[in-house]
Amino acid sequence: MTARIAIVEDEPELAALVADYARAAGYAADTYADGAVALDALRRAPPALVVLDLMLPGLDGLALCRALRADAAPALAELPVVMVTARVEEIDRLLGLDAGADDYLCKPFSPRELMARIRAILRRAQRASPAAPAAPTVDVDPAARRIAVHGAPLDLTPTEYGILAALARRPGQVFSRAQLLDLAREGNANLDATDRAIDSHVKNLRRKLDAVLPGVEAIHSIYGLGYRFDL
C-alpha cells in the first residue's frame, strides 16, 4: 500500500513543490493550507506522516502538533511529524520538538533532503511497529486421529476428537448436537454417546483449547441451535 503524506503548508507554491517531490518518491500526497481544516482531515483519515508548517492560519503548527500528540487514537498520537518553518531561532526549533515533532527543517530547505528525512522516519516507524501475531492454526490428522492447535497437540478422547474435527473442518458453520454426534461417529462407529452428552464433551474441549489458546473462545454456543467453531 502506498504511504500517504499530508503536507500542511499555506504557501501554495511550496506545498505543490513538496507534493510533487513526495509523489515522485512513491508517496501519495494531500495538501492543506489551514491548520484547523488539516486537523479535522487528519482525524478522519490519519496519513503515514505529516509535513507541518509552523505558521498557519486557523491553527498554528505548534497547536496542531500538540493536538495530535494529545489525541486518544494511537494513529494520531504516534503520527510522525516533520515541522518546517521560516523561523530559524533556536527557541522556535526547541518549541517545535517539544510539541512532539519528530524532525525539524528551516526554510528554505532542499526538497530532496526533506524526502530523505521522510524515508528515514518511516523506516524507523516501520521497524518499531510490532508484528501482527500469527493467526492460530488447526491441523487435523485423520489417519492418526490427532489434532494440533497452533502446533500444540491436544490430548483428546475419541469422542472429543470426532467433535472437534467435525467443527474445525467447517469453521463458521453451526452444527446441532445431533449433527455433531453423527459426524463424530463417522470415524468411530462404536462411539457410545448421546446428543445431550455433546455439551459435556464441548466443555472439556473448551478447557483443553484454552490451555493452548488462553482467552480465545474457539467453540461458540448458538442458542437453540448448537455450536460453531471460529478462530
C-alpha atoms as a PDB file:
ATOM      1  CA  MET A   1       0.000   0.000   0.000  1.00  0.00           C
ATOM      2  CA  THR A   2       1.313   3.468  -0.918  1.00  0.00           C
ATOM      3  CA  ALA A   3       2.156   5.577   2.124  1.00  0.00           C
ATOM      4  CA  ARG A   4       0.259   8.862   2.231  1.00  0.00           C
ATOM      5  CA  ILE A   5       1.929  12.131   3.234  1.00  0.00           C
ATOM      6  CA  ALA A   6      -0.075  15.118   4.477  1.00  0.00           C
ATOM      7  CA  ILE A   7       1.505  18.486   3.674  1.00  0.00           C
ATOM      8  CA  VAL A   8       0.156  21.287   5.858  1.00  0.00           C
ATOM      9  CA  GLU A   9       1.557  24.459   4.278  1.00  0.00           C
ATOM     10  CA  ASP A  10      -0.126  27.781   3.449  1.00  0.00           C
ATOM     11  CA  GLU A  11       2.355  28.791   0.721  1.00  0.00           C
ATOM     12  CA  PRO A  12       0.711  27.255  -2.388  1.00  0.00           C
ATOM     13  CA  GLU A  13       3.864  27.039  -4.486  1.00  0.00           C
ATOM     14  CA  LEU A  14       5.882  25.382  -1.722  1.00  0.00           C
ATOM     15  CA  ALA A  15       3.043  22.977  -0.896  1.00  0.00           C
ATOM     16  CA  ALA A  16       2.776  21.984  -4.575  1.00  0.00           C
ATOM     17  CA  LEU A  17       6.552  21.539  -4.841  1.00  0.00           C
ATOM     18  CA  VAL A  18       6.742  19.268  -1.793  1.00  0.00           C
ATOM     19  CA  ALA A  19       3.723  17.290  -3.046  1.00  0.00           C
ATOM     20  CA  ASP A  20       5.408  16.791  -6.428  1.00  0.00           C
ATOM     21  CA  TYR A  21       8.592  15.516  -4.791  1.00  0.00           C
ATOM     22  CA  ALA A  22       6.583  13.234  -2.496  1.00  0.00           C
ATOM     23  CA  ARG A  23       4.715  11.705  -5.432  1.00  0.00           C
ATOM     24  CA  ALA A  24       7.966  11.289  -7.391  1.00  0.00           C
ATOM     25  CA  ALA A  25       9.356   9.441  -4.339  1.00  0.00           C
ATOM     26  CA  GLY A  26       6.442   6.989  -4.465  1.00  0.00           C
ATOM     27  CA  TYR A  27       4.126   8.517  -1.854  1.00  0.00           C
ATOM     28  CA  ALA A  28       0.562   9.748  -2.164  1.00  0.00           C
ATOM     29  CA  ALA A  29       0.271  13.388  -1.103  1.00  0.00           C
ATOM     30  CA  ASP A  30      -2.524  15.619   0.223  1.00  0.00           C
ATOM     31  CA  THR A  31      -2.089  19.355   0.853  1.00  0.00           C
ATOM     32  CA  TYR A  32      -3.839  21.611   3.370  1.00  0.00           C
ATOM     33  CA  ALA A  33      -3.437  25.377   3.753  1.00  0.00           C
ATOM     34  CA  ASP A  34      -5.328  25.790   7.046  1.00  0.00           C
ATOM     35  CA  GLY A  35      -4.333  24.209  10.363  1.00  0.00           C
ATOM     36  CA  ALA A  36      -7.869  23.641  11.667  1.00  0.00           C
ATOM     37  CA  VAL A  37      -9.004  22.108   8.369  1.00  0.00           C
ATOM     38  CA  ALA A  38      -5.913  19.892   8.353  1.00  0.00           C
ATOM     39  CA  LEU A  39      -6.506  18.648  11.903  1.00  0.00           C
ATOM     40  CA  ASP A  40     -10.067  17.639  11.046  1.00  0.00           C
ATOM     41  CA  ALA A  41      -8.870  15.801   7.928  1.00  0.00           C
ATOM     42  CA  LEU A  42      -6.068  14.030   9.807  1.00  0.00           C
ATOM     43  CA  ARG A  43      -8.501  12.825  12.444  1.00  0.00           C
ATOM     44  CA  ARG A  44     -10.815  11.409   9.787  1.00  0.00           C
ATOM     45  CA  ALA A  45      -8.036   9.668   7.828  1.00  0.00           C
ATOM     46  CA  PRO A  46      -4.596   9.569   9.501  1.00  0.00           C
ATOM     47  CA  PRO A  47      -1.730   9.558   6.947  1.00  0.00           C
ATOM     48  CA  ALA A  48       1.677   7.903   7.321  1.00  0.00           C
ATOM     49  CA  LEU A  49       3.435  11.223   8.075  1.00  0.00           C
ATOM     50  CA  VAL A  50       2.748  14.958   8.272  1.00  0.00           C
ATOM     51  CA  VAL A  51       4.933  17.747   6.880  1.00  0.00           C
ATOM     52  CA  LEU A  52       3.803  20.631   9.050  1.00  0.00           C
ATOM     53  CA  ASP A  53       4.462  24.360   8.656  1.00  0.00           C
ATOM     54  CA  LEU A  54       4.790  26.279  11.896  1.00  0.00           C
ATOM     55  CA  MET A  55       2.959  29.449  10.813  1.00  0.00           C
ATOM     56  CA  LEU A  56      -0.557  28.584   9.626  1.00  0.00           C
ATOM     57  CA  PRO A  57      -3.980  30.254   9.527  1.00  0.00           C
ATOM     58  CA  GLY A  58      -6.770  28.714  11.570  1.00  0.00           C
ATOM     59  CA  LEU A  59      -4.479  26.751  13.884  1.00  0.00           C
ATOM     60  CA  ASP A  60      -0.711  27.119  14.018  1.00  0.00           C
ATOM     61  CA  GLY A  61       1.684  24.198  13.646  1.00  0.00           C
ATOM     62  CA  LEU A  62       2.600  24.012  17.340  1.00  0.00           C
ATOM     63  CA  ALA A  63      -1.051  23.815  18.407  1.00  0.00           C
ATOM     64  CA  LEU A  64      -1.834  21.265  15.688  1.00  0.00           C
ATOM     65  CA  CYS A  65       1.115  19.075  16.682  1.00  0.00           C
ATOM     66  CA  ARG A  66       0.141  19.224  20.356  1.00  0.00           C
ATOM     67  CA  ALA A  67      -3.456  18.291  19.452  1.00  0.00           C
ATOM     68  CA  LEU A  68      -2.195  15.230  17.583  1.00  0.00           C
ATOM     69  CA  ARG A  69       0.024  14.121  20.457  1.00  0.00           C
ATOM     70  CA  ALA A  70      -2.848  14.528  22.942  1.00  0.00           C
ATOM     71  CA  ASP A  71      -5.296  12.514  20.846  1.00  0.00           C
ATOM     72  CA  ALA A  72      -6.533   9.225  22.306  1.00  0.00           C
ATOM     73  CA  ALA A  73      -6.137   7.424  18.978  1.00  0.00           C
ATOM     74  CA  PRO A  74      -2.636   5.871  18.638  1.00  0.00           C
ATOM     75  CA  ALA A  75      -2.726   6.515  14.871  1.00  0.00           C
ATOM     76  CA  LEU A  76      -2.719  10.250  15.666  1.00  0.00           C
ATOM     77  CA  ALA A  77      -0.773  10.373  18.923  1.00  0.00           C
ATOM     78  CA  GLU A  78       2.118   8.480  17.299  1.00  0.00           C
ATOM     79  CA  LEU A  79       1.829  10.082  13.850  1.00  0.00           C
ATOM     80  CA  PRO A  80       5.309  11.125  12.590  1.00  0.00           C
ATOM     81  CA  VAL A  81       5.615  14.890  12.108  1.00  0.00           C
ATOM     82  CA  VAL A  82       8.303  16.833  10.236  1.00  0.00           C
ATOM     83  CA  MET A  83       7.989  20.510  11.096  1.00  0.00           C
ATOM     84  CA  VAL A  84       9.144  23.173   8.628  1.00  0.00           C
ATOM     85  CA  THR A  85       9.323  26.921   9.226  1.00  0.00           C
ATOM     86  CA  ALA A  86      10.966  30.168   8.207  1.00  0.00           C
ATOM     87  CA  ARG A  87      11.623  30.911  11.896  1.00  0.00           C
ATOM     88  CA  VAL A  88      15.224  29.828  12.469  1.00  0.00           C
ATOM     89  CA  GLU A  89      15.788  30.847  16.092  1.00  0.00           C
ATOM     90  CA  GLU A  90      16.845  28.040  18.424  1.00  0.00           C
ATOM     91  CA  ILE A  91      13.869  28.593  20.720  1.00  0.00           C
ATOM     92  CA  ASP A  92      11.487  28.002  17.817  1.00  0.00           C
ATOM     93  CA  ARG A  93      13.171  24.712  16.954  1.00  0.00           C
ATOM     94  CA  LEU A  94      13.047  23.644  20.574  1.00  0.00           C
ATOM     95  CA  LEU A  95       9.374  24.561  20.832  1.00  0.00           C
ATOM     96  CA  GLY A  96       8.623  22.517  17.730  1.00  0.00           C
ATOM     97  CA  LEU A  97      10.429  19.457  19.040  1.00  0.00           C
ATOM     98  CA  ASP A  98       8.921  19.906  22.484  1.00  0.00           C
ATOM     99  CA  ALA A  99       5.453  19.971  20.913  1.00  0.00           C
ATOM    100  CA  GLY A 100       6.137  16.477  19.597  1.00  0.00           C
ATOM    101  CA  ALA A 101       7.701  16.951  16.156  1.00  0.00           C
ATOM    102  CA  ASP A 102       9.961  14.090  15.067  1.00  0.00           C
ATOM    103  CA  ASP A 103      12.192  16.311  12.921  1.00  0.00           C
ATOM    104  CA  TYR A 104      12.634  19.981  12.040  1.00  0.00           C
ATOM    105  CA  LEU A 105      13.695  21.792   8.853  1.00  0.00           C
ATOM    106  CA  CYS A 106      14.205  25.521   8.381  1.00  0.00           C
ATOM    107  CA  LYS A 107      13.138  27.314   5.200  1.00  0.00           C
ATOM    108  CA  PRO A 108      14.493  27.478   2.594  1.00  0.00           C
ATOM    109  CA  PHE A 109      15.149  23.724   2.578  1.00  0.00           C
ATOM    110  CA  SER A 110      16.042  21.162  -0.051  1.00  0.00           C
ATOM    111  CA  PRO A 111      13.014  19.042  -1.072  1.00  0.00           C
ATOM    112  CA  ARG A 112      15.446  16.146  -1.622  1.00  0.00           C
ATOM    113  CA  GLU A 113      16.662  16.444   1.972  1.00  0.00           C
ATOM    114  CA  LEU A 114      13.047  16.521   3.156  1.00  0.00           C
ATOM    115  CA  MET A 115      12.299  13.313   1.221  1.00  0.00           C
ATOM    116  CA  ALA A 116      15.406  11.661   2.714  1.00  0.00           C
ATOM    117  CA  ARG A 117      14.264  12.566   6.211  1.00  0.00           C
ATOM    118  CA  ILE A 118      10.756  11.302   5.495  1.00  0.00           C
ATOM    119  CA  ARG A 119      12.126   7.967   4.281  1.00  0.00           C
ATOM    120  CA  ALA A 120      14.316   7.639   7.392  1.00  0.00           C
ATOM    121  CA  ILE A 121      11.418   8.419   9.764  1.00  0.00           C
ATOM    122  CA  LEU A 122       9.047   5.983   8.037  1.00  0.00           C
ATOM    123  CA  ARG A 123      11.712   3.238   8.114  1.00  0.00           C
ATOM    124  CA  ARG A 124      12.145   3.744  11.857  1.00  0.00           C
ATOM    125  CA  ALA A 125       8.373   3.734  12.394  1.00  0.00           C
ATOM    126  CA  GLN A 126       8.046   0.509  10.419  1.00  0.00           C
ATOM    127  CA  ARG A 127      10.778  -1.211  12.437  1.00  0.00           C
ATOM    128  CA  ALA A 128       9.158  -0.060  15.686  1.00  0.00           C
ATOM    129  CA  SER A 129       5.713  -1.388  14.732  1.00  0.00           C
ATOM    130  CA  PRO A 130       5.026  -4.742  16.447  1.00  0.00           C
ATOM    131  CA  ALA A 131       4.446  -7.611  14.060  1.00  0.00           C
ATOM    132  CA  ALA A 132       0.877  -8.855  13.981  1.00  0.00           C
ATOM    133  CA  PRO A 133       0.576 -12.174  15.816  1.00  0.00           C
ATOM    134  CA  ALA A 134       0.120 -15.170  13.580  1.00  0.00           C
ATOM    135  CA  ALA A 135      -3.442 -16.438  13.391  1.00  0.00           C
ATOM    136  CA  PRO A 136      -3.949 -19.728  15.272  1.00  0.00           C
ATOM    137  CA  THR A 137      -3.879 -22.789  13.023  1.00  0.00           C
ATOM    138  CA  VAL A 138      -5.768 -26.057  13.468  1.00  0.00           C
ATOM    139  CA  ASP A 139      -4.224 -29.183  11.927  1.00  0.00           C
ATOM    140  CA  VAL A 140      -6.446 -32.272  11.760  1.00  0.00           C
ATOM    141  CA  ASP A 141      -4.710 -35.614  11.067  1.00  0.00           C
ATOM    142  CA  PRO A 142      -7.487 -38.133  10.248  1.00  0.00           C
ATOM    143  CA  ALA A 143      -5.063 -41.056   9.858  1.00  0.00           C
ATOM    144  CA  ALA A 144      -3.617 -40.627  13.325  1.00  0.00           C
ATOM    145  CA  ARG A 145      -6.869 -39.136  14.706  1.00  0.00           C
ATOM    146  CA  ARG A 146      -4.905 -36.260  16.196  1.00  0.00           C
ATOM    147  CA  ILE A 147      -5.476 -32.512  16.265  1.00  0.00           C
ATOM    148  CA  ALA A 148      -2.837 -29.836  16.876  1.00  0.00           C
ATOM    149  CA  VAL A 149      -3.718 -26.194  17.542  1.00  0.00           C
ATOM    150  CA  HIS A 150      -1.018 -23.644  16.771  1.00  0.00           C
ATOM    151  CA  GLY A 151       1.460 -26.534  16.706  1.00  0.00           C
ATOM    152  CA  ALA A 152       0.448 -27.882  20.127  1.00  0.00           C
ATOM    153  CA  PRO A 153      -1.089 -31.404  20.026  1.00  0.00           C
ATOM    154  CA  LEU A 154      -4.282 -31.838  22.058  1.00  0.00           C
ATOM    155  CA  ASP A 155      -4.843 -34.819  24.342  1.00  0.00           C
ATOM    156  CA  LEU A 156      -8.322 -35.842  23.165  1.00  0.00           C
ATOM    157  CA  THR A 157     -10.648 -38.746  23.781  1.00  0.00           C
ATOM    158  CA  PRO A 158     -12.073 -40.440  20.653  1.00  0.00           C
ATOM    159  CA  THR A 159     -15.354 -38.569  21.123  1.00  0.00           C
ATOM    160  CA  GLU A 160     -13.628 -35.217  21.616  1.00  0.00           C
ATOM    161  CA  TYR A 161     -11.539 -35.808  18.511  1.00  0.00           C
ATOM    162  CA  GLY A 162     -14.640 -36.570  16.440  1.00  0.00           C
ATOM    163  CA  ILE A 163     -16.481 -33.454  17.627  1.00  0.00           C
ATOM    164  CA  LEU A 164     -13.566 -31.056  17.225  1.00  0.00           C
ATOM    165  CA  ALA A 165     -12.563 -32.496  13.841  1.00  0.00           C
ATOM    166  CA  ALA A 166     -16.130 -32.012  12.583  1.00  0.00           C
ATOM    167  CA  LEU A 167     -16.240 -28.411  13.818  1.00  0.00           C
ATOM    168  CA  ALA A 168     -12.748 -27.484  12.637  1.00  0.00           C
ATOM    169  CA  ARG A 169     -13.301 -28.806   9.112  1.00  0.00           C
ATOM    170  CA  ARG A 170     -16.212 -26.375   8.648  1.00  0.00           C
ATOM    171  CA  PRO A 171     -15.375 -23.175  10.584  1.00  0.00           C
ATOM    172  CA  GLY A 172     -18.286 -20.759  10.830  1.00  0.00           C
ATOM    173  CA  GLN A 173     -20.934 -23.434  10.260  1.00  0.00           C
ATOM    174  CA  VAL A 174     -23.462 -24.091  13.030  1.00  0.00           C
ATOM    175  CA  PHE A 175     -23.956 -27.754  13.981  1.00  0.00           C
ATOM    176  CA  SER A 176     -26.760 -29.177  16.087  1.00  0.00           C
ATOM    177  CA  ARG A 177     -25.870 -31.670  18.818  1.00  0.00           C
ATOM    178  CA  ALA A 178     -27.334 -34.498  16.758  1.00  0.00           C
ATOM    179  CA  GLN A 179     -25.246 -33.491  13.729  1.00  0.00           C
ATOM    180  CA  LEU A 180     -22.078 -33.396  15.791  1.00  0.00           C
ATOM    181  CA  LEU A 181     -22.833 -36.802  17.193  1.00  0.00           C
ATOM    182  CA  ASP A 182     -23.358 -38.249  13.706  1.00  0.00           C
ATOM    183  CA  LEU A 183     -20.155 -36.657  12.397  1.00  0.00           C
ATOM    184  CA  ALA A 184     -18.178 -37.837  15.418  1.00  0.00           C
ATOM    185  CA  ARG A 185     -19.370 -41.403  14.743  1.00  0.00           C
ATOM    186  CA  GLU A 186     -18.162 -41.329  11.114  1.00  0.00           C
ATOM    187  CA  GLY A 187     -14.672 -42.416  12.095  1.00  0.00           C
ATOM    188  CA  ASN A 188     -15.690 -44.331  15.186  1.00  0.00           C
ATOM    189  CA  ALA A 189     -18.800 -46.479  14.643  1.00  0.00           C
ATOM    190  CA  ASN A 190     -18.571 -47.889  18.181  1.00  0.00           C
ATOM    191  CA  LEU A 191     -18.775 -44.447  19.774  1.00  0.00           C
ATOM    192  CA  ASP A 192     -21.003 -44.625  22.844  1.00  0.00           C
ATOM    193  CA  ALA A 193     -22.515 -41.163  23.336  1.00  0.00           C
ATOM    194  CA  THR A 194     -25.810 -39.302  23.154  1.00  0.00           C
ATOM    195  CA  ASP A 195     -26.558 -35.927  21.665  1.00  0.00           C
ATOM    196  CA  ARG A 196     -27.107 -34.444  25.166  1.00  0.00           C
ATOM    197  CA  ALA A 197     -23.651 -35.669  26.197  1.00  0.00           C
ATOM    198  CA  ILE A 198     -22.196 -33.416  23.491  1.00  0.00           C
ATOM    199  CA  ASP A 199     -22.415 -30.483  25.937  1.00  0.00           C
ATOM    200  CA  SER A 200     -20.057 -32.209  28.389  1.00  0.00           C
ATOM    201  CA  HIS A 201     -17.607 -33.045  25.609  1.00  0.00           C
ATOM    202  CA  VAL A 202     -17.681 -29.449  24.345  1.00  0.00           C
ATOM    203  CA  LYS A 203     -16.974 -28.216  27.880  1.00  0.00           C
ATOM    204  CA  ASN A 204     -13.899 -30.464  28.038  1.00  0.00           C
ATOM    205  CA  LEU A 205     -12.789 -29.330  24.585  1.00  0.00           C
ATOM    206  CA  ARG A 206     -13.030 -25.681  25.596  1.00  0.00           C
ATOM    207  CA  ARG A 207     -10.848 -26.367  28.624  1.00  0.00           C
ATOM    208  CA  LYS A 208      -8.213 -28.115  26.505  1.00  0.00           C
ATOM    209  CA  LEU A 209      -8.278 -25.416  23.840  1.00  0.00           C
ATOM    210  CA  ASP A 210      -7.927 -22.712  26.491  1.00  0.00           C
ATOM    211  CA  ALA A 211      -4.715 -24.376  27.669  1.00  0.00           C
ATOM    212  CA  VAL A 212      -3.064 -23.692  24.293  1.00  0.00           C
ATOM    213  CA  LEU A 213      -5.030 -20.560  23.323  1.00  0.00           C
ATOM    214  CA  PRO A 214      -5.749 -18.763  26.620  1.00  0.00           C
ATOM    215  CA  GLY A 215      -8.541 -16.238  26.422  1.00  0.00           C
ATOM    216  CA  VAL A 216      -9.596 -17.280  22.900  1.00  0.00           C
ATOM    217  CA  GLU A 217     -13.159 -18.569  22.504  1.00  0.00           C
ATOM    218  CA  ALA A 218     -12.967 -21.105  19.674  1.00  0.00           C
ATOM    219  CA  ILE A 219     -16.218 -23.033  20.178  1.00  0.00           C
ATOM    220  CA  HIS A 220     -19.253 -20.746  20.313  1.00  0.00           C
ATOM    221  CA  SER A 221     -22.660 -21.726  21.693  1.00  0.00           C
ATOM    222  CA  ILE A 222     -25.504 -20.710  19.376  1.00  0.00           C
ATOM    223  CA  TYR A 223     -28.660 -20.511  21.459  1.00  0.00           C
ATOM    224  CA  GLY A 224     -31.311 -23.002  20.384  1.00  0.00           C
ATOM    225  CA  LEU A 225     -29.188 -24.378  17.566  1.00  0.00           C
ATOM    226  CA  GLY A 226     -25.885 -25.887  18.706  1.00  0.00           C
ATOM    227  CA  TYR A 227     -22.228 -24.971  18.273  1.00  0.00           C
ATOM    228  CA  ARG A 228     -19.945 -23.141  15.845  1.00  0.00           C
ATOM    229  CA  PHE A 229     -16.134 -23.185  15.563  1.00  0.00           C
ATOM    230  CA  ASP A 230     -14.256 -19.935  14.821  1.00  0.00           C
ATOM    231  CA  LEU A 231     -10.717 -18.719  15.437  1.00  0.00           C
END
